[in-house]
Amino acid sequence: MMIVPDSSDLFGVYIHWPFCASKCPYCDFNSHVRERIDHADWRNALVREIEHYAGLTRGRRVTSIFFGGGTPSLMEPETVQAAIDAVVKNWHVANDLEITLEANPTSIEIEKFRGFRSAGVNRVSVGVQSLRDDDLKFLGRFHSVENAKGALDIAAKVFDRYTFDLIYARPGMTVDAWRTELGEALAMNGGHLSLYQLTIEPGTPFFTRHQRGEFQIPDEDTAADLYELTQSMMADAGLPAYEVSNHAVPGQESFHNLTYWRYGDYVGVGPGAHGRLTLDGVKTATRAHRAPEIWLDRVRDTGHGSHDFEPVLAESRLNECVMMGLRLDEGVPIARIERESGMDFSSAIDPVKIAAMVGEGYLVKTDTHIIATPSGRQRLNALLGYLLA
């Protein structure tokens, strides 16, 4: 069984590839469509920015690298190799270094799987999103269910670990329909699944279409039923939720995502990438320019595409560590809350509010942790709004 590192030991490197073949209508990530990409130019720029951040964090030990996007499987394997080599050259790395790459299950990208594995990727996250062809078209995806199944079959043979995403609570979805589809997904799982309810994000094409009444998503009661079914089926299959939307066989949790949720440090490389770094004892927020071409020019000129760093003030550190940590089934250590806020726990969060949420069954408080119950995680935004107000 794989041992998940303690939060104090986690240090991740996130590498953002900002390009996609097309923009999915539900997506609000920093992704762009370009007819031509100079891969050699981008390869050199990513390596330079990695070197820049390594110079600020000497002595740290990297436990995970995550290639996100955008669509990282559109990268050339040589670019992935160069980025991994730069991390290994410039930092200490864990013996069990987790290297994840997000991939789409189209035939062109599947052909690169072995190249990515040779480059050092040992975990792939496949953006399946649906096991129904009509819904894949609705979601703006180019692959078919047959493509997805083929990609997962190859992923299982090529990589040490693999996971895939599904989006549920799609228009017209019933509990029975999701029960059938999730059962099909479980039959193909590799020990980890990410299951997200469809949300309508401002600024996306779906937001405009939804506002026009072109489609409707399930109402709150149906969405709650779909969520509860998801938790039940996944737990019964031996993949309980270790985070609100992520499920794993114990030991198959994502090291990299745990870095975020446990409020560890991580470097953000590439256009629009964010980071959290402790520099000279100060928790610091980093943020790169979003526009790919401007980021690229800045790296050419200065070695990095980042905006000015900003210290994360104690109140924000408190809010961030609680917001992230309560997503996990393990909850948030009280010691972390005290460390980040600089206050005793009873001063950081009103004990009356804690007691009220415990009484309502939304929170558990132990001597060492506060933990959102399954009911609390289902209502996490409201719970956080109350506790942190």
Protein backbone atom coordinates (compact mmCIF):
# COMPACT_ATOMS: atom_id res chain seq x y z
CA MET A 1 0.00 0.00 0.00
CA MET A 2 1.24 3.49 -0.86
CA ILE A 3 1.94 5.75 2.11
CA VAL A 4 0.50 9.28 1.76
CA PRO A 5 3.04 11.81 3.09
CA ASP A 6 2.23 14.01 6.05
CA SER A 7 1.21 17.57 5.13
CA SER A 8 4.45 19.03 6.47
CA ASP A 9 6.32 16.87 3.96
CA LEU A 10 4.30 17.85 0.90
CA PHE A 11 5.73 20.25 -1.71
CA GLY A 12 4.29 20.24 -5.19
CA VAL A 13 5.08 21.68 -8.61
CA TYR A 14 2.10 22.55 -10.80
CA ILE A 15 2.83 23.10 -14.52
CA HIS A 16 0.09 24.73 -16.59
CA TRP A 17 -0.26 24.05 -20.31
CA PRO A 18 -2.79 26.67 -21.46
CA PHE A 19 -3.82 25.28 -24.85
CA CYS A 20 -6.81 23.19 -25.91
CA ALA A 21 -8.07 21.92 -29.24
CA SER A 22 -11.36 23.68 -28.44
CA LYS A 23 -12.92 25.44 -25.46
CA CYS A 24 -15.46 23.32 -23.58
CA PRO A 25 -18.64 25.32 -22.90
CA TYR A 26 -18.62 24.61 -19.15
CA CYS A 27 -14.92 25.43 -18.60
CA ASP A 28 -13.75 28.58 -16.79
CA PHE A 29 -10.07 27.54 -16.57
CA ASN A 30 -7.28 29.52 -18.23
CA SER A 31 -7.34 27.71 -21.55
CA HIS A 32 -6.90 29.01 -25.10
CA VAL A 33 -7.17 27.74 -28.68
CA ARG A 34 -4.25 28.48 -31.02
CA GLU A 35 -3.67 27.36 -34.61
CA ARG A 36 0.09 27.15 -34.17
CA ILE A 37 2.28 26.56 -31.11
CA ASP A 38 6.08 26.74 -31.11
CA HIS A 39 6.71 23.78 -28.83
CA ALA A 40 10.45 24.40 -28.56
CA ASP A 41 9.81 27.97 -27.42
CA TRP A 42 7.31 26.83 -24.81
CA ARG A 43 9.59 24.04 -23.65
CA ASN A 44 12.41 26.50 -23.01
CA ALA A 45 10.10 28.94 -21.22
CA LEU A 46 8.65 26.33 -18.86
CA VAL A 47 12.16 25.17 -17.95
CA ARG A 48 13.29 28.75 -17.30
CA GLU A 49 10.39 29.46 -14.96
CA ILE A 50 10.97 26.19 -13.11
CA GLU A 51 14.59 27.25 -12.61
CA HIS A 52 13.45 30.66 -11.35
CA TYR A 53 11.23 29.16 -8.64
CA ALA A 54 13.83 26.57 -7.73
CA GLY A 55 16.22 29.41 -6.98
CA LEU A 56 13.72 30.76 -4.43
CA THR A 57 13.08 27.43 -2.70
CA ARG A 58 16.44 25.71 -2.45
CA GLY A 59 16.50 22.70 -0.16
CA ARG A 60 12.82 21.80 -0.55
CA ARG A 61 11.87 18.24 -1.47
CA VAL A 62 9.32 17.84 -4.26
CA THR A 63 6.74 15.11 -3.64
CA SER A 64 4.58 15.67 -6.73
CA ILE A 65 4.49 17.23 -10.18
CA PHE A 66 1.14 17.91 -11.85
CA PHE A 67 0.69 18.86 -15.51
CA GLY A 68 -2.69 20.60 -15.77
CA GLY A 69 -4.44 22.85 -18.20
CA GLY A 70 -5.74 23.39 -20.70
CA THR A 71 -4.97 20.05 -22.23
CA PRO A 72 -1.48 18.84 -21.24
CA SER A 73 -1.79 15.74 -23.42
CA LEU A 74 -1.40 18.14 -26.38
CA MET A 75 2.18 18.75 -25.20
CA GLU A 76 5.00 16.98 -26.92
CA PRO A 77 6.53 14.25 -24.73
CA GLU A 78 9.87 16.02 -25.13
CA THR A 79 8.41 19.07 -23.37
CA VAL A 80 7.11 16.96 -20.51
CA GLN A 81 10.52 15.28 -20.27
CA ALA A 82 12.32 18.64 -20.18
CA ALA A 83 10.07 19.96 -17.41
CA ILE A 84 10.48 16.82 -15.29
CA ASP A 85 14.25 16.86 -15.81
CA ALA A 86 14.36 20.51 -14.71
CA VAL A 87 12.49 19.69 -11.49
CA VAL A 88 14.77 16.74 -10.72
CA LYS A 89 17.87 18.79 -11.48
CA ASN A 90 16.92 21.80 -9.36
CA TRP A 91 15.22 20.30 -6.28
CA HIS A 92 15.49 17.25 -4.10
CA VAL A 93 12.74 14.82 -5.10
CA ALA A 94 10.94 12.11 -3.17
CA ASN A 95 11.75 8.50 -3.97
CA ASP A 96 8.05 7.95 -4.67
CA LEU A 97 7.65 11.18 -6.67
CA GLU A 98 4.13 11.33 -8.09
CA ILE A 99 3.99 12.78 -11.62
CA THR A 100 0.46 13.27 -12.97
CA LEU A 101 -0.60 14.45 -16.41
CA GLU A 102 -4.15 15.33 -17.42
CA ALA A 103 -5.15 13.77 -20.74
CA ASN A 104 -8.06 13.71 -23.12
CA PRO A 105 -9.13 10.37 -24.59
CA THR A 106 -8.91 11.32 -28.26
CA SER A 107 -6.94 9.01 -30.54
CA ILE A 108 -4.15 11.54 -31.22
CA GLU A 109 -3.48 12.05 -27.52
CA ILE A 110 -3.75 8.36 -26.64
CA GLU A 111 -0.91 7.69 -29.09
CA LYS A 112 1.35 9.81 -26.85
CA PHE A 113 0.73 7.80 -23.68
CA ARG A 114 3.87 5.68 -24.01
CA GLY A 115 5.90 8.79 -24.78
CA PHE A 116 4.63 10.45 -21.61
CA ARG A 117 5.44 7.32 -19.62
CA SER A 118 8.97 7.27 -21.01
CA ALA A 119 9.30 10.93 -20.02
CA GLY A 120 8.60 10.01 -16.40
CA VAL A 121 4.83 10.42 -15.96
CA ASN A 122 3.60 7.68 -13.61
CA ARG A 123 -0.02 8.76 -13.12
CA VAL A 124 -2.52 9.92 -15.74
CA SER A 125 -5.86 11.64 -15.19
CA VAL A 126 -8.20 11.07 -18.13
CA GLY A 127 -10.98 13.59 -18.81
CA VAL A 128 -13.75 11.14 -19.67
CA GLN A 129 -16.58 13.38 -18.30
CA SER A 130 -19.43 11.12 -19.44
CA LEU A 131 -20.13 7.56 -20.55
CA ARG A 132 -22.99 8.67 -22.79
CA ASP A 133 -22.24 9.88 -26.33
CA ASP A 134 -25.11 12.38 -26.46
CA ASP A 135 -23.94 14.01 -23.24
CA LEU A 136 -20.34 14.14 -24.48
CA LYS A 137 -21.60 16.18 -27.44
CA PHE A 138 -23.56 18.45 -25.08
CA LEU A 139 -20.39 18.96 -23.01
CA GLY A 140 -18.44 19.93 -26.13
CA ARG A 141 -16.14 16.92 -26.00
CA PHE A 142 -14.50 15.54 -29.15
CA HIS A 143 -14.16 11.94 -27.99
CA SER A 144 -16.69 9.13 -27.92
CA VAL A 145 -17.45 6.62 -25.18
CA GLU A 146 -15.54 4.05 -27.24
CA ASN A 147 -12.52 6.40 -27.30
CA ALA A 148 -12.76 6.81 -23.53
CA LYS A 149 -12.87 3.10 -22.85
CA GLY A 150 -9.91 2.54 -25.16
CA ALA A 151 -7.92 5.28 -23.43
CA LEU A 152 -8.55 3.79 -20.00
CA ASP A 153 -7.56 0.35 -21.21
CA ILE A 154 -4.24 1.70 -22.50
CA ALA A 155 -3.73 3.85 -19.38
CA ALA A 156 -4.07 0.75 -17.20
CA LYS A 157 -1.33 -0.98 -19.19
CA VAL A 158 1.08 1.96 -19.54
CA PHE A 159 0.97 3.86 -16.23
CA ASP A 160 1.53 2.85 -12.63
CA ARG A 161 -1.65 4.65 -11.63
CA TYR A 162 -4.60 6.18 -13.47
CA THR A 163 -7.77 8.03 -12.63
CA PHE A 164 -10.58 9.62 -14.61
CA ASP A 165 -13.20 12.35 -14.23
CA LEU A 166 -16.94 12.24 -14.68
CA ILE A 167 -19.41 15.12 -14.58
CA TYR A 168 -22.84 14.26 -13.22
CA ALA A 169 -26.05 16.22 -12.47
CA ARG A 170 -26.24 16.86 -16.20
CA PRO A 171 -29.50 18.08 -17.78
CA GLY A 172 -32.24 15.47 -17.49
CA MET A 173 -30.16 13.08 -15.39
CA THR A 174 -32.13 10.89 -13.01
CA VAL A 175 -30.92 8.95 -10.01
CA ASP A 176 -31.46 5.65 -11.82
CA ALA A 177 -29.54 6.84 -14.89
CA TRP A 178 -26.60 7.94 -12.75
CA ARG A 179 -26.66 4.67 -10.80
CA THR A 180 -26.22 2.76 -14.06
CA GLU A 181 -23.51 5.05 -15.44
CA LEU A 182 -21.54 5.14 -12.19
CA GLY A 183 -21.68 1.35 -12.06
CA GLU A 184 -20.12 1.25 -15.52
CA ALA A 185 -17.41 3.65 -14.38
CA LEU A 186 -16.62 1.55 -11.32
CA ALA A 187 -16.05 -1.45 -13.55
CA MET A 188 -13.21 0.48 -15.23
CA ASN A 189 -11.71 2.27 -12.23
CA GLY A 190 -8.03 2.16 -11.37
CA GLY A 191 -8.41 2.91 -7.68
CA HIS A 192 -9.30 6.59 -7.98
CA LEU A 193 -12.23 8.52 -9.46
CA SER A 194 -13.07 12.24 -9.53
CA LEU A 195 -16.81 12.91 -9.69
CA TYR A 196 -18.04 16.48 -10.09
CA GLN A 197 -21.53 17.92 -10.23
CA LEU A 198 -22.04 20.15 -13.25
CA THR A 199 -21.89 23.79 -12.19
CA ILE A 200 -22.75 26.78 -14.35
CA GLU A 201 -19.84 29.20 -14.08
CA PRO A 202 -20.17 32.90 -14.99
CA GLY A 203 -18.34 33.86 -18.16
CA THR A 204 -18.75 30.47 -19.83
CA PRO A 205 -20.95 29.69 -22.86
CA PHE A 206 -23.04 27.42 -20.63
CA PHE A 207 -23.80 30.37 -18.35
CA THR A 208 -25.27 32.35 -21.25
CA ARG A 209 -27.22 29.38 -22.58
CA HIS A 210 -28.53 28.53 -19.13
CA GLN A 211 -29.62 32.13 -18.57
CA ARG A 212 -31.51 31.97 -21.88
CA GLY A 213 -33.32 28.85 -20.70
CA GLU A 214 -31.81 26.61 -23.35
CA PHE A 215 -31.27 23.86 -20.79
CA GLN A 216 -31.81 23.18 -17.10
CA ILE A 217 -29.74 21.22 -14.62
CA PRO A 218 -31.32 19.05 -11.91
CA ASP A 219 -32.97 20.93 -9.05
CA GLU A 220 -31.44 21.03 -5.56
CA ASP A 221 -33.35 18.00 -4.28
CA THR A 222 -32.35 15.84 -7.24
CA ALA A 223 -28.76 17.09 -7.04
CA ALA A 224 -28.68 16.12 -3.36
CA ASP A 225 -30.02 12.67 -4.19
CA LEU A 226 -27.37 12.25 -6.88
CA TYR A 227 -24.64 13.29 -4.44
CA GLU A 228 -25.83 10.89 -1.75
CA LEU A 229 -26.04 8.02 -4.23
CA THR A 230 -22.48 8.80 -5.35
CA GLN A 231 -21.14 8.67 -1.79
CA SER A 232 -22.97 5.42 -1.05
CA MET A 233 -21.98 3.57 -4.22
CA MET A 234 -18.35 4.65 -4.02
CA ALA A 235 -18.03 3.67 -0.36
CA ASP A 236 -19.64 0.28 -1.04
CA ALA A 237 -17.15 -0.26 -3.89
CA GLY A 238 -14.18 0.43 -1.61
CA LEU A 239 -13.46 3.93 -2.94
CA PRO A 240 -14.77 6.24 -0.21
CA ALA A 241 -14.60 10.01 -0.61
CA TYR A 242 -11.37 11.35 0.83
CA GLU A 243 -12.41 14.80 -0.47
CA VAL A 244 -15.75 16.24 -1.54
CA SER A 245 -15.40 15.14 -5.18
CA ASN A 246 -12.52 12.66 -5.06
CA HIS A 247 -12.74 8.99 -4.21
CA ALA A 248 -9.97 6.45 -3.80
CA VAL A 249 -8.97 3.06 -2.54
CA PRO A 250 -7.00 3.85 0.63
CA GLY A 251 -3.42 4.55 -0.43
CA GLN A 252 -4.38 5.74 -3.93
CA GLU A 253 -5.12 9.35 -2.98
CA SER A 254 -3.51 12.08 -5.08
CA PHE A 255 -0.36 13.36 -3.35
CA HIS A 256 -0.54 16.57 -5.34
CA ASN A 257 -4.13 17.46 -4.54
CA LEU A 258 -3.52 16.66 -0.88
CA THR A 259 -0.84 19.35 -0.97
CA TYR A 260 -3.54 21.91 -1.80
CA TRP A 261 -6.11 20.62 0.64
CA ARG A 262 -3.63 20.28 3.49
CA TYR A 263 -2.44 23.82 2.80
CA GLY A 264 1.07 22.81 1.86
CA ASP A 265 3.43 24.81 -0.34
CA TYR A 266 3.41 24.49 -4.10
CA VAL A 267 5.00 26.21 -7.08
CA GLY A 268 2.81 27.35 -9.97
CA VAL A 269 4.52 27.38 -13.38
CA GLY A 270 2.98 28.58 -16.64
CA PRO A 271 0.36 31.15 -17.72
CA GLY A 272 -2.20 31.92 -15.02
CA ALA A 273 -0.70 29.43 -12.57
CA HIS A 274 -1.06 30.25 -8.87
CA GLY A 275 1.22 29.14 -6.06
CA ARG A 276 1.61 29.28 -2.29
CA LEU A 277 5.19 29.44 -1.03
CA THR A 278 6.69 30.01 2.38
CA LEU A 279 9.57 32.43 1.72
CA ASP A 280 11.68 33.72 4.64
CA GLY A 281 9.00 32.42 6.98
CA VAL A 282 6.17 34.29 5.22
CA LYS A 283 3.32 32.51 3.40
CA THR A 284 3.34 34.10 -0.04
CA ALA A 285 0.88 34.06 -2.95
CA THR A 286 2.28 33.84 -6.46
CA ARG A 287 0.33 34.42 -9.66
CA ALA A 288 1.49 34.30 -13.28
CA HIS A 289 0.13 36.43 -16.10
CA ARG A 290 -2.85 34.70 -17.72
CA ALA A 291 -2.33 35.62 -21.39
CA PRO A 292 -0.03 32.95 -22.92
CA GLU A 293 1.85 35.26 -25.27
CA ILE A 294 2.45 37.93 -22.62
CA TRP A 295 3.61 35.27 -20.16
CA LEU A 296 5.99 33.91 -22.80
CA ASP A 297 7.44 37.36 -23.50
CA ARG A 298 7.97 37.99 -19.79
CA VAL A 299 9.81 34.70 -19.35
CA ARG A 300 12.06 35.53 -22.28
CA ASP A 301 12.83 38.92 -20.73
CA THR A 302 13.11 38.12 -17.02
CA GLY A 303 13.09 34.33 -16.56
CA HIS A 304 9.56 34.23 -15.15
CA GLY A 305 6.03 35.41 -15.98
CA SER A 306 4.87 36.15 -12.46
CA HIS A 307 3.20 39.24 -11.11
CA ASP A 308 4.54 40.73 -7.88
CA PHE A 309 4.35 38.32 -4.96
CA GLU A 310 1.91 39.11 -2.15
CA PRO A 311 2.09 38.02 1.50
CA VAL A 312 -0.96 36.02 2.60
CA LEU A 313 -2.24 37.76 5.72
CA ALA A 314 -3.23 35.78 8.80
CA GLU A 315 -6.98 36.16 8.24
CA SER A 316 -6.65 34.87 4.67
CA ARG A 317 -4.42 31.99 5.81
CA LEU A 318 -7.06 31.03 8.36
CA ASN A 319 -9.83 31.14 5.76
CA GLU A 320 -7.82 29.26 3.15
CA CYS A 321 -6.65 26.45 5.41
CA VAL A 322 -10.16 25.89 6.81
CA MET A 323 -11.86 26.11 3.40
CA MET A 324 -9.43 23.61 1.90
CA GLY A 325 -9.12 21.30 4.89
CA LEU A 326 -12.83 20.82 5.55
CA ARG A 327 -13.12 19.37 2.05
CA LEU A 328 -11.17 16.35 3.31
CA ASP A 329 -12.67 13.49 5.27
CA GLU A 330 -9.72 13.81 7.68
CA GLY A 331 -10.67 17.43 8.43
CA VAL A 332 -8.36 20.24 9.59
CA PRO A 333 -5.85 19.92 12.43
CA ILE A 334 -6.45 22.48 15.14
CA ALA A 335 -2.68 22.98 15.29
CA ARG A 336 -2.73 24.08 11.62
CA ILE A 337 -5.50 26.59 12.28
CA GLU A 338 -3.55 28.04 15.20
CA ARG A 339 -0.31 28.15 13.23
CA GLU A 340 -1.81 29.88 10.20
CA SER A 341 -3.99 32.33 12.12
CA GLY A 342 -1.49 33.11 14.85
CA MET A 343 -4.27 32.70 17.41
CA ASP A 344 -5.62 30.16 19.86
CA PHE A 345 -8.30 28.01 18.25
CA SER A 346 -11.05 29.55 20.40
CA SER A 347 -10.06 32.99 19.15
CA ALA A 348 -9.70 31.93 15.52
CA ILE A 349 -13.17 30.40 15.23
CA ASP A 350 -16.05 31.23 17.57
CA PRO A 351 -16.60 28.23 19.91
CA VAL A 352 -20.35 28.97 19.91
CA LYS A 353 -20.42 28.47 16.12
CA ILE A 354 -18.42 25.26 16.42
CA ALA A 355 -20.83 23.93 19.04
CA ALA A 356 -23.84 24.89 16.92
CA MET A 357 -22.53 23.02 13.88
CA VAL A 358 -21.64 20.00 16.02
CA GLY A 359 -25.17 20.06 17.41
CA GLU A 360 -26.67 20.21 13.92
CA GLY A 361 -24.59 17.21 12.84
CA TYR A 362 -22.51 19.11 10.31
CA LEU A 363 -19.22 19.11 12.20
CA VAL A 364 -17.20 16.90 14.54
CA LYS A 365 -14.65 18.34 16.93
CA THR A 366 -11.98 16.14 18.49
CA ASP A 367 -9.02 17.09 20.66
CA THR A 368 -6.93 17.54 17.51
CA HIS A 369 -9.22 18.22 14.53
CA ILE A 370 -12.42 19.74 13.24
CA ILE A 371 -14.05 17.50 10.64
CA ALA A 372 -17.04 18.13 8.40
CA THR A 373 -19.47 15.23 8.53
CA PRO A 374 -20.84 13.83 5.25
CA SER A 375 -23.86 16.12 5.72
CA GLY A 376 -21.52 19.03 6.37
CA ARG A 377 -19.47 18.37 3.24
CA GLN A 378 -22.67 18.24 1.22
CA ARG A 379 -23.44 21.77 2.49
CA LEU A 380 -19.86 22.95 2.67
CA ASN A 381 -20.31 26.46 1.25
CA ALA A 382 -22.99 27.27 3.79
CA LEU A 383 -20.97 25.68 6.61
CA LEU A 384 -17.86 27.68 5.72
CA GLY A 385 -19.85 30.87 5.34
CA TYR A 386 -21.18 30.46 8.87
CA LEU A 387 -17.91 29.46 10.55
CA LEU A 388 -15.73 32.09 8.88
CA ALA A 389 -18.14 35.04 8.93
